[in-house]
Amino acid sequence: MECHVYYEGDDDPDKCTARRLEQFDEAILYRRMDQVPYGIVLNPHAEQALSPADLEDGLGTLVALDCSWESAEAASFRMNGVHRALPFLVAANPVNYGRPFQLTTVEALAGALSILGEPDRAAEILEPFRWGETFLTLNEEPLRRYRECGDSSDVVAVQDDYLADDGDDHDEGSERDDHSG
């Protein structure tokens, strides 16, 4: 599955996971939204959760938005494609370690690849990051369970199990992964 990123370039270039993905030929970055190909757009504001059923659309392209957390808004996700939200996953990156939905671009893409049945590809794109394997370890069970789901409603049911287990620690209405970093 191809990984594409709309890159706003408004965060620290030395910490930008999208730029590193491009350096390792794991993703293609775009500076103009009209250049981004049609695909599955990882959008925290989407009304439907990503699930293995999204592969039925025949889309072999994942699209993420790379921007700073300060500039992530619904309006930033005007890309053409099938918009899907990632379910509950926990960040392993040093800035947001342990925080749900606070994923970097590479974590968002890896989570999506894993949910869509490509866990080996997920591990491959995380390899250049010293904390990459930790992301897969922290999220091993939910990623496996999401991968086994039939559709978006099944994914949401699994996510609800995790949110219920966490009690009041996490607000379901809080901002989800904006694929920044």
N, C-alpha and C. Protein backbone atom coordinates (compact mmCIF):
# COMPACT_ATOMS: atom_id res chain seq x y z
N MET A 1 0.85 -1.17 0.00
CA MET A 1 0.00 0.00 0.00
C MET A 1 0.90 1.24 0.00
N GLU A 2 0.61 2.17 -0.88
CA GLU A 2 1.38 3.41 -0.97
C GLU A 2 0.98 4.39 0.12
N CYS A 3 1.98 5.10 0.65
CA CYS A 3 1.74 6.13 1.67
C CYS A 3 2.05 7.50 1.07
N HIS A 4 1.09 8.40 1.18
CA HIS A 4 1.23 9.77 0.68
C HIS A 4 0.91 10.73 1.82
N VAL A 5 1.59 11.88 1.81
CA VAL A 5 1.42 12.84 2.90
C VAL A 5 1.31 14.24 2.33
N TYR A 6 0.25 14.94 2.74
CA TYR A 6 0.18 16.37 2.46
C TYR A 6 0.96 17.03 3.58
N TYR A 7 2.03 17.72 3.19
CA TYR A 7 3.00 18.25 4.14
C TYR A 7 2.90 19.77 4.21
N GLU A 8 2.47 20.26 5.37
CA GLU A 8 2.34 21.70 5.54
C GLU A 8 3.65 22.36 5.93
N GLY A 9 4.59 21.61 6.47
CA GLY A 9 5.90 22.15 6.80
C GLY A 9 5.92 23.16 7.92
N ASP A 10 4.96 23.06 8.85
CA ASP A 10 4.89 24.05 9.92
C ASP A 10 5.40 23.55 11.27
N ASP A 11 6.06 22.40 11.27
CA ASP A 11 6.62 21.91 12.53
C ASP A 11 8.14 21.80 12.40
N ASP A 12 8.79 21.38 13.45
CA ASP A 12 10.25 21.28 13.49
C ASP A 12 10.71 20.23 12.48
N PRO A 13 11.47 20.64 11.45
CA PRO A 13 11.89 19.69 10.42
C PRO A 13 12.76 18.55 10.97
N ASP A 14 13.49 18.80 12.05
CA ASP A 14 14.33 17.76 12.63
C ASP A 14 13.52 16.67 13.33
N LYS A 15 12.29 17.00 13.73
CA LYS A 15 11.44 16.03 14.42
C LYS A 15 10.32 15.50 13.53
N CYS A 16 10.27 15.94 12.29
CA CYS A 16 9.18 15.60 11.40
C CYS A 16 9.30 14.16 10.89
N THR A 17 8.34 13.33 11.26
CA THR A 17 8.38 11.93 10.83
C THR A 17 8.05 11.78 9.35
N ALA A 18 7.24 12.66 8.79
CA ALA A 18 6.91 12.58 7.37
C ALA A 18 8.15 12.81 6.51
N ARG A 19 8.95 13.78 6.87
CA ARG A 19 10.19 14.05 6.11
C ARG A 19 11.13 12.85 6.18
N ARG A 20 11.17 12.22 7.34
CA ARG A 20 12.03 11.04 7.48
C ARG A 20 11.50 9.88 6.64
N LEU A 21 10.18 9.73 6.59
CA LEU A 21 9.59 8.70 5.73
C LEU A 21 9.99 8.93 4.28
N GLU A 22 9.98 10.19 3.86
CA GLU A 22 10.37 10.51 2.48
C GLU A 22 11.85 10.17 2.26
N GLN A 23 12.70 10.48 3.22
CA GLN A 23 14.13 10.18 3.09
C GLN A 23 14.38 8.68 2.90
N PHE A 24 13.54 7.85 3.52
CA PHE A 24 13.70 6.40 3.43
C PHE A 24 12.81 5.78 2.34
N ASP A 25 12.29 6.62 1.46
CA ASP A 25 11.42 6.19 0.35
C ASP A 25 10.22 5.37 0.82
N GLU A 26 9.66 5.76 1.96
CA GLU A 26 8.48 5.07 2.51
C GLU A 26 7.19 5.86 2.29
N ALA A 27 7.32 7.13 1.87
CA ALA A 27 6.14 7.97 1.62
C ALA A 27 6.51 9.06 0.62
N ILE A 28 5.50 9.57 -0.06
CA ILE A 28 5.67 10.68 -0.98
C ILE A 28 5.00 11.90 -0.35
N LEU A 29 5.75 13.01 -0.28
CA LEU A 29 5.23 14.24 0.32
C LEU A 29 4.78 15.21 -0.76
N TYR A 30 3.72 15.95 -0.45
CA TYR A 30 3.16 16.95 -1.37
C TYR A 30 3.01 18.27 -0.63
N ARG A 31 3.33 19.35 -1.30
CA ARG A 31 3.18 20.69 -0.72
C ARG A 31 1.87 21.35 -1.13
N ARG A 32 1.25 20.84 -2.19
CA ARG A 32 -0.03 21.39 -2.64
C ARG A 32 -1.10 20.32 -2.55
N MET A 33 -2.23 20.68 -1.97
CA MET A 33 -3.30 19.72 -1.75
C MET A 33 -3.82 19.11 -3.06
N ASP A 34 -3.82 19.90 -4.13
CA ASP A 34 -4.33 19.37 -5.40
C ASP A 34 -3.41 18.32 -6.01
N GLN A 35 -2.22 18.13 -5.48
CA GLN A 35 -1.30 17.12 -5.97
C GLN A 35 -1.52 15.76 -5.29
N VAL A 36 -2.18 15.76 -4.14
CA VAL A 36 -2.34 14.55 -3.35
C VAL A 36 -3.30 13.59 -4.07
N PRO A 37 -2.89 12.32 -4.24
CA PRO A 37 -3.76 11.37 -4.95
C PRO A 37 -4.99 10.98 -4.13
N TYR A 38 -6.00 10.50 -4.82
CA TYR A 38 -7.21 9.99 -4.20
C TYR A 38 -6.86 8.71 -3.44
N GLY A 39 -7.38 8.58 -2.23
CA GLY A 39 -7.12 7.38 -1.45
C GLY A 39 -7.90 7.40 -0.15
N ILE A 40 -7.46 6.60 0.79
CA ILE A 40 -8.04 6.58 2.13
C ILE A 40 -7.35 7.69 2.91
N VAL A 41 -8.09 8.75 3.24
CA VAL A 41 -7.54 9.90 3.94
C VAL A 41 -7.73 9.70 5.44
N LEU A 42 -6.62 9.68 6.18
CA LEU A 42 -6.69 9.55 7.63
C LEU A 42 -7.06 10.91 8.20
N ASN A 43 -8.30 10.98 8.69
CA ASN A 43 -8.89 12.25 9.10
C ASN A 43 -9.56 12.07 10.45
N PRO A 44 -9.03 12.70 11.51
CA PRO A 44 -9.62 12.53 12.83
C PRO A 44 -11.04 13.09 12.94
N HIS A 45 -11.45 13.89 11.97
CA HIS A 45 -12.79 14.48 11.98
C HIS A 45 -13.79 13.66 11.15
N ALA A 46 -13.33 12.56 10.56
CA ALA A 46 -14.20 11.73 9.74
C ALA A 46 -15.29 11.10 10.61
N GLU A 47 -16.43 10.84 9.98
CA GLU A 47 -17.56 10.26 10.72
C GLU A 47 -17.48 8.75 10.81
N GLN A 48 -16.58 8.13 10.06
CA GLN A 48 -16.49 6.68 10.05
C GLN A 48 -15.07 6.24 10.40
N ALA A 49 -14.97 5.18 11.20
CA ALA A 49 -13.66 4.65 11.60
C ALA A 49 -13.06 3.80 10.50
N LEU A 50 -11.75 3.81 10.41
CA LEU A 50 -11.02 2.96 9.48
C LEU A 50 -11.24 1.50 9.87
N SER A 51 -11.48 0.65 8.88
CA SER A 51 -11.64 -0.78 9.14
C SER A 51 -11.13 -1.57 7.95
N PRO A 52 -10.92 -2.88 8.12
CA PRO A 52 -10.50 -3.71 6.99
C PRO A 52 -11.47 -3.66 5.81
N ALA A 53 -12.73 -3.33 6.06
CA ALA A 53 -13.72 -3.23 4.98
C ALA A 53 -13.36 -2.13 3.98
N ASP A 54 -12.55 -1.17 4.40
CA ASP A 54 -12.16 -0.08 3.49
C ASP A 54 -11.30 -0.59 2.33
N LEU A 55 -10.72 -1.76 2.47
CA LEU A 55 -9.95 -2.34 1.37
C LEU A 55 -10.85 -2.77 0.22
N GLU A 56 -12.13 -2.98 0.49
CA GLU A 56 -13.07 -3.40 -0.55
C GLU A 56 -13.24 -2.34 -1.62
N ASP A 57 -12.91 -1.08 -1.29
CA ASP A 57 -13.01 -0.01 -2.27
C ASP A 57 -11.90 -0.08 -3.31
N GLY A 58 -10.94 -0.98 -3.11
CA GLY A 58 -9.85 -1.14 -4.06
C GLY A 58 -8.83 -0.02 -4.02
N LEU A 59 -8.84 0.75 -2.94
CA LEU A 59 -7.89 1.85 -2.82
C LEU A 59 -6.58 1.33 -2.23
N GLY A 60 -5.51 1.48 -2.96
CA GLY A 60 -4.20 1.05 -2.48
C GLY A 60 -3.36 2.21 -2.02
N THR A 61 -4.02 3.29 -1.63
CA THR A 61 -3.32 4.51 -1.25
C THR A 61 -3.81 5.02 0.09
N LEU A 62 -2.87 5.28 0.99
CA LEU A 62 -3.17 5.91 2.28
C LEU A 62 -2.66 7.34 2.22
N VAL A 63 -3.46 8.26 2.73
CA VAL A 63 -3.09 9.67 2.73
C VAL A 63 -3.19 10.22 4.14
N ALA A 64 -2.13 10.92 4.57
CA ALA A 64 -2.11 11.56 5.88
C ALA A 64 -1.80 13.04 5.71
N LEU A 65 -2.18 13.81 6.70
CA LEU A 65 -1.85 15.23 6.75
C LEU A 65 -0.76 15.41 7.79
N ASP A 66 0.32 16.08 7.43
CA ASP A 66 1.38 16.35 8.37
C ASP A 66 1.38 17.84 8.68
N CYS A 67 1.05 18.17 9.93
CA CYS A 67 1.05 19.56 10.37
C CYS A 67 1.28 19.59 11.87
N SER A 68 1.50 20.77 12.41
CA SER A 68 1.67 20.87 13.86
C SER A 68 0.30 20.72 14.52
N TRP A 69 0.32 20.33 15.79
CA TRP A 69 -0.94 20.17 16.51
C TRP A 69 -1.69 21.49 16.59
N GLU A 70 -0.98 22.60 16.64
CA GLU A 70 -1.62 23.91 16.78
C GLU A 70 -2.45 24.27 15.55
N SER A 71 -2.07 23.75 14.37
CA SER A 71 -2.79 24.15 13.16
C SER A 71 -3.73 23.07 12.64
N ALA A 72 -3.87 21.99 13.35
CA ALA A 72 -4.73 20.90 12.89
C ALA A 72 -6.20 21.24 13.13
N GLU A 73 -6.92 21.42 12.06
CA GLU A 73 -8.35 21.73 12.13
C GLU A 73 -9.07 20.94 11.06
N ALA A 74 -10.37 20.83 11.19
CA ALA A 74 -11.16 20.09 10.21
C ALA A 74 -10.96 20.64 8.80
N ALA A 75 -10.80 21.94 8.68
CA ALA A 75 -10.64 22.56 7.36
C ALA A 75 -9.36 22.09 6.66
N SER A 76 -8.40 21.60 7.42
CA SER A 76 -7.15 21.13 6.83
C SER A 76 -7.32 19.81 6.09
N PHE A 77 -8.44 19.17 6.25
CA PHE A 77 -8.66 17.86 5.66
C PHE A 77 -9.61 17.93 4.46
N ARG A 78 -9.34 18.85 3.55
CA ARG A 78 -10.19 19.03 2.38
C ARG A 78 -9.78 18.14 1.21
N MET A 79 -8.97 17.16 1.45
CA MET A 79 -8.45 16.30 0.39
C MET A 79 -9.52 15.38 -0.17
N ASN A 80 -9.40 15.09 -1.44
CA ASN A 80 -10.30 14.13 -2.08
C ASN A 80 -9.95 12.73 -1.63
N GLY A 81 -10.97 11.93 -1.39
CA GLY A 81 -10.75 10.56 -1.00
C GLY A 81 -11.83 10.07 -0.05
N VAL A 82 -11.62 8.87 0.46
CA VAL A 82 -12.51 8.26 1.43
C VAL A 82 -11.94 8.59 2.80
N HIS A 83 -12.61 9.45 3.55
CA HIS A 83 -12.10 9.91 4.84
C HIS A 83 -12.46 8.94 5.95
N ARG A 84 -11.44 8.55 6.72
CA ARG A 84 -11.63 7.63 7.84
C ARG A 84 -10.83 8.10 9.05
N ALA A 85 -11.39 7.89 10.23
CA ALA A 85 -10.71 8.22 11.49
C ALA A 85 -10.05 6.96 12.04
N LEU A 86 -8.87 7.15 12.60
CA LEU A 86 -8.23 6.03 13.29
C LEU A 86 -8.90 5.82 14.63
N PRO A 87 -9.05 4.57 15.05
CA PRO A 87 -9.60 4.31 16.38
C PRO A 87 -8.54 4.53 17.46
N PHE A 88 -8.92 4.28 18.68
CA PHE A 88 -8.04 4.43 19.84
C PHE A 88 -6.71 3.73 19.64
N LEU A 89 -5.64 4.51 19.65
CA LEU A 89 -4.27 4.01 19.64
C LEU A 89 -3.46 4.95 20.53
N VAL A 90 -2.40 4.44 21.12
CA VAL A 90 -1.58 5.21 22.04
C VAL A 90 -0.24 5.54 21.39
N ALA A 91 0.19 6.78 21.54
CA ALA A 91 1.45 7.24 20.95
C ALA A 91 2.65 6.64 21.67
N ALA A 92 3.72 6.41 20.92
CA ALA A 92 4.99 5.96 21.48
C ALA A 92 6.09 6.98 21.24
N ASN A 93 5.78 8.03 20.47
CA ASN A 93 6.78 9.05 20.18
C ASN A 93 7.17 9.77 21.46
N PRO A 94 8.40 10.29 21.53
CA PRO A 94 8.88 10.91 22.77
C PRO A 94 8.07 12.12 23.24
N VAL A 95 7.46 12.86 22.34
CA VAL A 95 6.71 14.06 22.72
C VAL A 95 5.38 13.71 23.36
N ASN A 96 4.69 12.70 22.84
CA ASN A 96 3.34 12.37 23.32
C ASN A 96 3.22 10.94 23.85
N TYR A 97 4.31 10.38 24.33
CA TYR A 97 4.31 8.99 24.77
C TYR A 97 3.15 8.70 25.73
N GLY A 98 2.40 7.64 25.41
CA GLY A 98 1.32 7.19 26.28
C GLY A 98 0.00 7.91 26.10
N ARG A 99 -0.02 8.96 25.29
CA ARG A 99 -1.25 9.71 25.08
C ARG A 99 -2.06 9.11 23.94
N PRO A 100 -3.33 8.85 24.17
CA PRO A 100 -4.16 8.33 23.09
C PRO A 100 -4.44 9.40 22.04
N PHE A 101 -4.51 8.96 20.80
CA PHE A 101 -4.87 9.81 19.66
C PHE A 101 -3.83 10.90 19.33
N GLN A 102 -2.72 10.98 20.04
CA GLN A 102 -1.70 12.01 19.80
C GLN A 102 -0.55 11.44 18.98
N LEU A 103 -0.87 10.91 17.82
CA LEU A 103 0.10 10.19 17.01
C LEU A 103 0.85 11.10 16.05
N THR A 104 2.07 10.70 15.74
CA THR A 104 2.82 11.35 14.67
C THR A 104 2.29 10.81 13.34
N THR A 105 2.75 11.40 12.26
CA THR A 105 2.34 10.94 10.93
C THR A 105 2.71 9.49 10.72
N VAL A 106 3.93 9.12 11.07
CA VAL A 106 4.35 7.73 10.86
C VAL A 106 3.54 6.77 11.73
N GLU A 107 3.20 7.16 12.95
CA GLU A 107 2.38 6.30 13.80
C GLU A 107 0.99 6.12 13.19
N ALA A 108 0.41 7.20 12.68
CA ALA A 108 -0.92 7.13 12.06
C ALA A 108 -0.89 6.20 10.84
N LEU A 109 0.11 6.38 9.99
CA LEU A 109 0.21 5.52 8.80
C LEU A 109 0.45 4.06 9.19
N ALA A 110 1.32 3.84 10.17
CA ALA A 110 1.60 2.46 10.61
C ALA A 110 0.37 1.82 11.23
N GLY A 111 -0.36 2.58 12.04
CA GLY A 111 -1.60 2.05 12.62
C GLY A 111 -2.60 1.67 11.54
N ALA A 112 -2.74 2.54 10.55
CA ALA A 112 -3.67 2.27 9.45
C ALA A 112 -3.23 1.05 8.65
N LEU A 113 -1.95 0.96 8.34
CA LEU A 113 -1.45 -0.20 7.59
C LEU A 113 -1.73 -1.49 8.35
N SER A 114 -1.51 -1.47 9.65
CA SER A 114 -1.75 -2.65 10.46
C SER A 114 -3.23 -3.04 10.46
N ILE A 115 -4.09 -2.06 10.65
CA ILE A 115 -5.54 -2.32 10.64
C ILE A 115 -5.99 -2.86 9.29
N LEU A 116 -5.37 -2.39 8.22
CA LEU A 116 -5.73 -2.81 6.87
C LEU A 116 -5.04 -4.11 6.45
N GLY A 117 -4.44 -4.81 7.42
CA GLY A 117 -3.88 -6.13 7.15
C GLY A 117 -2.44 -6.15 6.67
N GLU A 118 -1.72 -5.06 6.88
CA GLU A 118 -0.32 -5.01 6.47
C GLU A 118 0.60 -4.70 7.66
N PRO A 119 0.59 -5.58 8.68
CA PRO A 119 1.43 -5.32 9.86
C PRO A 119 2.93 -5.32 9.54
N ASP A 120 3.36 -6.11 8.58
CA ASP A 120 4.78 -6.12 8.22
C ASP A 120 5.19 -4.79 7.59
N ARG A 121 4.32 -4.24 6.76
CA ARG A 121 4.59 -2.93 6.15
C ARG A 121 4.60 -1.85 7.24
N ALA A 122 3.71 -1.98 8.22
CA ALA A 122 3.69 -1.03 9.35
C ALA A 122 5.03 -1.05 10.08
N ALA A 123 5.53 -2.24 10.36
CA ALA A 123 6.82 -2.37 11.04
C ALA A 123 7.94 -1.79 10.17
N GLU A 124 7.85 -1.98 8.89
CA GLU A 124 8.87 -1.47 7.95
C GLU A 124 8.96 0.05 7.98
N ILE A 125 7.80 0.74 7.95
CA ILE A 125 7.87 2.20 7.93
C ILE A 125 8.29 2.78 9.28
N LEU A 126 8.10 2.01 10.36
CA LEU A 126 8.50 2.46 11.69
C LEU A 126 9.96 2.17 12.00
N GLU A 127 10.60 1.35 11.18
CA GLU A 127 11.98 0.92 11.45
C GLU A 127 12.98 2.07 11.65
N PRO A 128 12.91 3.16 10.88
CA PRO A 128 13.89 4.24 11.08
C PRO A 128 13.75 5.02 12.40
N PHE A 129 12.73 4.74 13.17
CA PHE A 129 12.47 5.49 14.40
C PHE A 129 12.79 4.61 15.61
N ARG A 130 13.61 5.12 16.52
CA ARG A 130 14.04 4.30 17.66
C ARG A 130 12.86 3.85 18.52
N TRP A 131 11.75 4.55 18.48
CA TRP A 131 10.57 4.22 19.27
C TRP A 131 9.50 3.51 18.42
N GLY A 132 9.82 3.24 17.17
CA GLY A 132 8.84 2.65 16.26
C GLY A 132 8.30 1.30 16.72
N GLU A 133 9.20 0.43 17.15
CA GLU A 133 8.77 -0.89 17.61
C GLU A 133 7.90 -0.76 18.86
N THR A 134 8.21 0.24 19.68
CA THR A 134 7.42 0.47 20.90
C THR A 134 5.97 0.80 20.55
N PHE A 135 5.77 1.55 19.47
CA PHE A 135 4.40 1.86 19.05
C PHE A 135 3.62 0.57 18.78
N LEU A 136 4.24 -0.35 18.06
CA LEU A 136 3.56 -1.61 17.74
C LEU A 136 3.35 -2.46 18.99
N THR A 137 4.29 -2.42 19.91
CA THR A 137 4.15 -3.18 21.15
C THR A 137 3.04 -2.61 22.03
N LEU A 138 3.03 -1.29 22.20
CA LEU A 138 1.99 -0.64 23.02
C LEU A 138 0.59 -0.91 22.48
N ASN A 139 0.48 -1.01 21.17
CA ASN A 139 -0.83 -1.13 20.53
C ASN A 139 -1.09 -2.51 19.94
N GLU A 140 -0.30 -3.48 20.33
CA GLU A 140 -0.39 -4.81 19.74
C GLU A 140 -1.81 -5.40 19.80
N GLU A 141 -2.39 -5.41 20.98
CA GLU A 141 -3.72 -6.01 21.13
C GLU A 141 -4.81 -5.24 20.37
N PRO A 142 -4.91 -3.90 20.56
CA PRO A 142 -5.96 -3.21 19.80
C PRO A 142 -5.77 -3.32 18.29
N LEU A 143 -4.53 -3.24 17.81
CA LEU A 143 -4.32 -3.36 16.36
C LEU A 143 -4.76 -4.73 15.86
N ARG A 144 -4.45 -5.78 16.62
CA ARG A 144 -4.89 -7.12 16.23
C ARG A 144 -6.41 -7.21 16.21
N ARG A 145 -7.05 -6.67 17.24
CA ARG A 145 -8.51 -6.72 17.33
C ARG A 145 -9.16 -5.90 16.21
N TYR A 146 -8.62 -4.71 15.92
CA TYR A 146 -9.17 -3.89 14.83
C TYR A 146 -9.03 -4.62 13.49
N ARG A 147 -7.90 -5.28 13.30
CA ARG A 147 -7.63 -6.01 12.04
C ARG A 147 -8.64 -7.15 11.84
N GLU A 148 -9.16 -7.69 12.93
CA GLU A 148 -10.11 -8.80 12.86
C GLU A 148 -11.55 -8.34 12.67
N CYS A 149 -11.79 -7.04 12.70
CA CYS A 149 -13.15 -6.50 12.58
C CYS A 149 -13.66 -6.60 11.15
N GLY A 150 -14.99 -6.71 11.05
CA GLY A 150 -15.61 -6.78 9.73
C GLY A 150 -15.85 -5.42 9.10
N ASP A 151 -16.19 -4.44 9.94
CA ASP A 151 -16.49 -3.12 9.40
C ASP A 151 -16.27 -2.05 10.47
N SER A 152 -16.61 -0.83 10.10
CA SER A 152 -16.39 0.32 10.97
C SER A 152 -17.12 0.20 12.30
N SER A 153 -18.33 -0.29 12.29
CA SER A 153 -19.08 -0.40 13.55
C SER A 153 -18.42 -1.39 14.50
N ASP A 154 -17.83 -2.46 13.96
CA ASP A 154 -17.08 -3.41 14.80
C ASP A 154 -15.86 -2.73 15.42
N VAL A 155 -15.17 -1.91 14.62
CA VAL A 155 -13.99 -1.18 15.11
C VAL A 155 -14.40 -0.25 16.24
N VAL A 156 -15.50 0.46 16.07
CA VAL A 156 -15.97 1.38 17.11
C VAL A 156 -16.32 0.61 18.38
N ALA A 157 -16.90 -0.57 18.26
CA ALA A 157 -17.23 -1.39 19.43
C ALA A 157 -15.96 -1.79 20.18
N VAL A 158 -14.92 -2.18 19.44
CA VAL A 158 -13.64 -2.53 20.07
C VAL A 158 -13.05 -1.29 20.75
N GLN A 159 -13.08 -0.16 20.04
CA GLN A 159 -12.57 1.09 20.61
C GLN A 159 -13.31 1.43 21.90
N ASP A 160 -14.61 1.27 21.90
CA ASP A 160 -15.41 1.56 23.10
C ASP A 160 -14.98 0.72 24.29
N ASP A 161 -14.56 -0.54 24.02
CA ASP A 161 -14.04 -1.40 25.09
C ASP A 161 -12.80 -0.76 25.73
N TYR A 162 -11.91 -0.25 24.89
CA TYR A 162 -10.69 0.38 25.41
C TYR A 162 -10.99 1.67 26.14
N LEU A 163 -11.87 2.47 25.61
CA LEU A 163 -12.22 3.73 26.26
C LEU A 163 -12.92 3.47 27.59
N ALA A 164 -13.75 2.45 27.67
CA ALA A 164 -14.43 2.11 28.92
C ALA A 164 -13.43 1.60 29.95
N ASP A 165 -12.42 0.85 29.51
CA ASP A 165 -11.40 0.33 30.41
C ASP A 165 -10.57 1.45 31.02
N ASP A 166 -10.42 2.55 30.27
CA ASP A 166 -9.61 3.67 30.75
C ASP A 166 -10.39 4.59 31.67
N GLY A 167 -11.67 4.35 31.83
CA GLY A 167 -12.48 5.18 32.72
C GLY A 167 -12.55 6.62 32.25
N ASP A 168 -12.34 7.54 33.18
CA ASP A 168 -12.46 8.96 32.87
C ASP A 168 -11.15 9.58 32.39
N ASP A 169 -10.11 8.77 32.17
CA ASP A 169 -8.82 9.30 31.75
C ASP A 169 -8.88 9.95 30.37
N HIS A 170 -9.79 9.48 29.53
CA HIS A 170 -9.82 9.95 28.15
C HIS A 170 -11.23 10.37 27.78
N ASP A 171 -11.35 11.51 27.19
CA ASP A 171 -12.63 12.03 26.76
C ASP A 171 -12.88 11.61 25.32
N GLU A 172 -13.95 10.86 25.09
CA GLU A 172 -14.26 10.38 23.74
C GLU A 172 -14.38 11.52 22.74
N GLY A 173 -14.80 12.67 23.17
CA GLY A 173 -14.97 13.80 22.26
C GLY A 173 -13.72 14.60 22.05
N SER A 174 -12.62 14.20 22.68
CA SER A 174 -11.39 14.97 22.52
C SER A 174 -10.84 14.83 21.12
N GLU A 175 -9.99 15.73 20.76
CA GLU A 175 -9.44 15.73 19.41
C GLU A 175 -8.67 14.44 19.18
N ARG A 176 -8.89 13.85 18.04
CA ARG A 176 -8.22 12.63 17.69
C ARG A 176 -6.94 12.93 16.95
N ASP A 177 -6.33 11.90 16.48
CA ASP A 177 -5.06 11.96 15.77
C ASP A 177 -5.13 12.88 14.56
N ASP A 178 -4.30 13.88 14.53
CA ASP A 178 -4.28 14.77 13.36
C ASP A 178 -3.12 14.43 12.44
N HIS A 179 -2.44 13.34 12.74
CA HIS A 179 -1.33 12.85 11.92
C HIS A 179 -0.22 13.87 11.81
N SER A 180 0.01 14.58 12.88
CA SER A 180 1.07 15.57 12.83
C SER A 180 2.40 14.95 13.25
N GLY A 181 3.43 15.62 12.91
CA GLY A 181 4.74 15.21 13.37
C GLY A 181 5.56 14.71 12.30
